Amino acid sequence: MEKTACIAYLAALGVMSLLALALYGADKARARRGARRIRERTLLLAGVFGGAAGALIGMRAFRHKTRHAAFWAVNLSAAVLQAAGALALLWLWRGAA
C-alpha cells in the first residue's frame, strides 16, 4: 500500500472529525439562541463519513444530542469502523516500509 494513501485517509479522518466537532458546536449554539438548526441527518452523516471521533467529542463537550440513542449508536459504530480502517492501513503501511 502506498504511504500517501495511508496519510490521505488519516488526514481525511482528522479533517472530517474537526468538521463534525464544529457542526455539533454550531448546532448547540443555534439551539441556545432558538435559531434555525442543523439537520440531524447532517450531523449523523458527518460522523459516518469520517468524523465519528469529532462527533463523539462534540456530543460530550457540548452536551448535545447525548440523550438520542441513535446518535450514540451511529457514531460509536462509525468510530469502530473508522478506527479499524485506520489500524488496517497503518498495519499495511508498516509492511510497506
Foldseek 3Di string as FASTA:
>chain_A
DDPVVLVVLVVQLVVLQVVLLVLLVVQLVCVVVVHDGDDPVVSLVSLQRRRLVSNVCNCVVSVGCPVPVVSVVSSVVSVVVSVVVSVVSVVVVVVVD
